[in-house]
Amino acid sequence: MIALGIILLIVGFLTGISILWTIGIILAVVGAVFWLLGSMGHAVAGRRHYW
């Protein structure tokens, strides 16, 4: 999810499409939160680990 967010950020920045930029930021932040929760040992979305 983090990788997809970064790809959308780059594509949105290069093409000037603001909706891709916004979606990219949201996906990167949500992916980072899931990664942080998973690394602390909390179950994320029914999974013990979130990769």
N, C-alpha and C. Protein backbone atom coordinates (compact mmCIF):
# COMPACT_ATOMS: atom_id res chain seq x y z
N MET A 1 0.82 -1.18 0.00
CA MET A 1 0.00 0.00 0.00
C MET A 1 0.87 1.25 0.00
N ILE A 2 1.99 1.17 0.70
CA ILE A 2 2.90 2.31 0.72
C ILE A 2 3.50 2.53 -0.67
N ALA A 3 3.88 1.43 -1.32
CA ALA A 3 4.48 1.54 -2.65
C ALA A 3 3.47 2.11 -3.65
N LEU A 4 2.23 1.67 -3.60
CA LEU A 4 1.20 2.20 -4.49
C LEU A 4 0.98 3.69 -4.22
N GLY A 5 0.98 4.08 -2.96
CA GLY A 5 0.82 5.49 -2.62
C GLY A 5 1.95 6.35 -3.17
N ILE A 6 3.18 5.83 -3.08
CA ILE A 6 4.33 6.59 -3.60
C ILE A 6 4.27 6.67 -5.12
N ILE A 7 3.87 5.59 -5.78
CA ILE A 7 3.74 5.61 -7.24
C ILE A 7 2.68 6.63 -7.66
N LEU A 8 1.54 6.64 -6.97
CA LEU A 8 0.50 7.62 -7.30
C LEU A 8 0.95 9.04 -7.02
N LEU A 9 1.74 9.24 -5.96
CA LEU A 9 2.29 10.57 -5.70
C LEU A 9 3.16 11.05 -6.85
N ILE A 10 4.02 10.18 -7.32
CA ILE A 10 4.93 10.55 -8.41
C ILE A 10 4.17 10.82 -9.69
N VAL A 11 3.23 9.92 -10.04
CA VAL A 11 2.45 10.11 -11.27
C VAL A 11 1.61 11.38 -11.17
N GLY A 12 0.98 11.61 -10.02
CA GLY A 12 0.18 12.81 -9.85
C GLY A 12 1.00 14.08 -9.92
N PHE A 13 2.22 14.02 -9.41
CA PHE A 13 3.10 15.19 -9.45
C PHE A 13 3.56 15.47 -10.88
N LEU A 14 3.93 14.40 -11.60
CA LEU A 14 4.44 14.59 -12.96
C LEU A 14 3.37 15.01 -13.95
N THR A 15 2.15 14.49 -13.78
CA THR A 15 1.08 14.82 -14.72
C THR A 15 0.26 16.03 -14.29
N GLY A 16 0.36 16.41 -13.03
CA GLY A 16 -0.41 17.56 -12.55
C GLY A 16 -1.84 17.22 -12.19
N ILE A 17 -2.15 15.93 -12.04
CA ILE A 17 -3.50 15.51 -11.68
C ILE A 17 -3.59 15.47 -10.16
N SER A 18 -4.36 16.38 -9.61
CA SER A 18 -4.37 16.54 -8.15
C SER A 18 -5.05 15.39 -7.43
N ILE A 19 -6.02 14.71 -8.07
CA ILE A 19 -6.71 13.61 -7.40
C ILE A 19 -5.75 12.44 -7.17
N LEU A 20 -4.83 12.20 -8.10
CA LEU A 20 -3.83 11.14 -7.90
C LEU A 20 -2.89 11.51 -6.76
N TRP A 21 -2.55 12.77 -6.67
CA TRP A 21 -1.69 13.25 -5.58
C TRP A 21 -2.37 13.02 -4.24
N THR A 22 -3.65 13.36 -4.15
CA THR A 22 -4.40 13.20 -2.91
C THR A 22 -4.55 11.73 -2.52
N ILE A 23 -4.92 10.90 -3.47
CA ILE A 23 -5.07 9.46 -3.20
C ILE A 23 -3.73 8.86 -2.81
N GLY A 24 -2.66 9.30 -3.44
CA GLY A 24 -1.32 8.81 -3.10
C GLY A 24 -0.93 9.14 -1.67
N ILE A 25 -1.24 10.35 -1.23
CA ILE A 25 -0.93 10.74 0.15
C ILE A 25 -1.73 9.89 1.13
N ILE A 26 -3.02 9.70 0.84
CA ILE A 26 -3.87 8.91 1.73
C ILE A 26 -3.37 7.47 1.82
N LEU A 27 -3.05 6.85 0.69
CA LEU A 27 -2.58 5.47 0.70
C LEU A 27 -1.25 5.33 1.42
N ALA A 28 -0.36 6.27 1.22
CA ALA A 28 0.94 6.20 1.89
C ALA A 28 0.79 6.33 3.41
N VAL A 29 -0.08 7.23 3.86
CA VAL A 29 -0.28 7.41 5.29
C VAL A 29 -0.96 6.19 5.91
N VAL A 30 -2.00 5.68 5.26
CA VAL A 30 -2.69 4.49 5.78
C VAL A 30 -1.76 3.29 5.79
N GLY A 31 -0.97 3.12 4.74
CA GLY A 31 0.00 2.03 4.71
C GLY A 31 1.03 2.14 5.81
N ALA A 32 1.49 3.35 6.09
CA ALA A 32 2.47 3.54 7.17
C ALA A 32 1.85 3.24 8.53
N VAL A 33 0.60 3.62 8.73
CA VAL A 33 -0.08 3.33 10.00
C VAL A 33 -0.26 1.83 10.17
N PHE A 34 -0.69 1.13 9.10
CA PHE A 34 -0.83 -0.32 9.18
C PHE A 34 0.50 -0.99 9.46
N TRP A 35 1.56 -0.51 8.83
CA TRP A 35 2.88 -1.08 9.04
C TRP A 35 3.33 -0.87 10.49
N LEU A 36 3.08 0.31 11.01
CA LEU A 36 3.45 0.61 12.39
C LEU A 36 2.66 -0.26 13.38
N LEU A 37 1.35 -0.39 13.17
CA LEU A 37 0.53 -1.22 14.05
C LEU A 37 0.94 -2.69 13.96
N GLY A 38 1.23 -3.16 12.76
CA GLY A 38 1.64 -4.54 12.59
C GLY A 38 2.98 -4.83 13.23
N SER A 39 3.89 -3.86 13.19
CA SER A 39 5.20 -4.08 13.79
C SER A 39 5.14 -4.04 15.32
N MET A 40 4.11 -3.40 15.88
CA MET A 40 3.96 -3.35 17.33
C MET A 40 3.24 -4.58 17.86
N GLY A 41 2.79 -5.47 16.98
CA GLY A 41 2.16 -6.70 17.42
C GLY A 41 0.64 -6.67 17.45
N HIS A 42 0.04 -5.56 17.05
CA HIS A 42 -1.42 -5.48 17.01
C HIS A 42 -1.94 -6.17 15.77
N ALA A 43 -3.09 -6.80 15.88
CA ALA A 43 -3.72 -7.41 14.72
C ALA A 43 -4.30 -6.30 13.84
N VAL A 44 -4.00 -6.35 12.55
CA VAL A 44 -4.48 -5.34 11.61
C VAL A 44 -5.36 -6.04 10.59
N ALA A 45 -6.62 -5.65 10.50
CA ALA A 45 -7.59 -6.20 9.55
C ALA A 45 -7.71 -7.71 9.69
N GLY A 46 -7.69 -8.20 10.92
CA GLY A 46 -7.86 -9.61 11.16
C GLY A 46 -6.59 -10.44 10.98
N ARG A 47 -5.48 -9.80 10.71
CA ARG A 47 -4.22 -10.50 10.51
C ARG A 47 -3.30 -10.20 11.68
N ARG A 48 -2.52 -11.17 12.04
CA ARG A 48 -1.57 -10.97 13.13
C ARG A 48 -0.41 -10.07 12.67
N HIS A 49 0.02 -10.20 11.41
CA HIS A 49 1.10 -9.38 10.86
C HIS A 49 0.60 -8.72 9.59
N TYR A 50 1.04 -7.53 9.35
CA TYR A 50 0.71 -6.82 8.11
C TYR A 50 2.01 -6.54 7.37
N TRP A 51 2.13 -7.09 6.18
CA TRP A 51 3.36 -6.90 5.41
C TRP A 51 3.18 -5.79 4.44
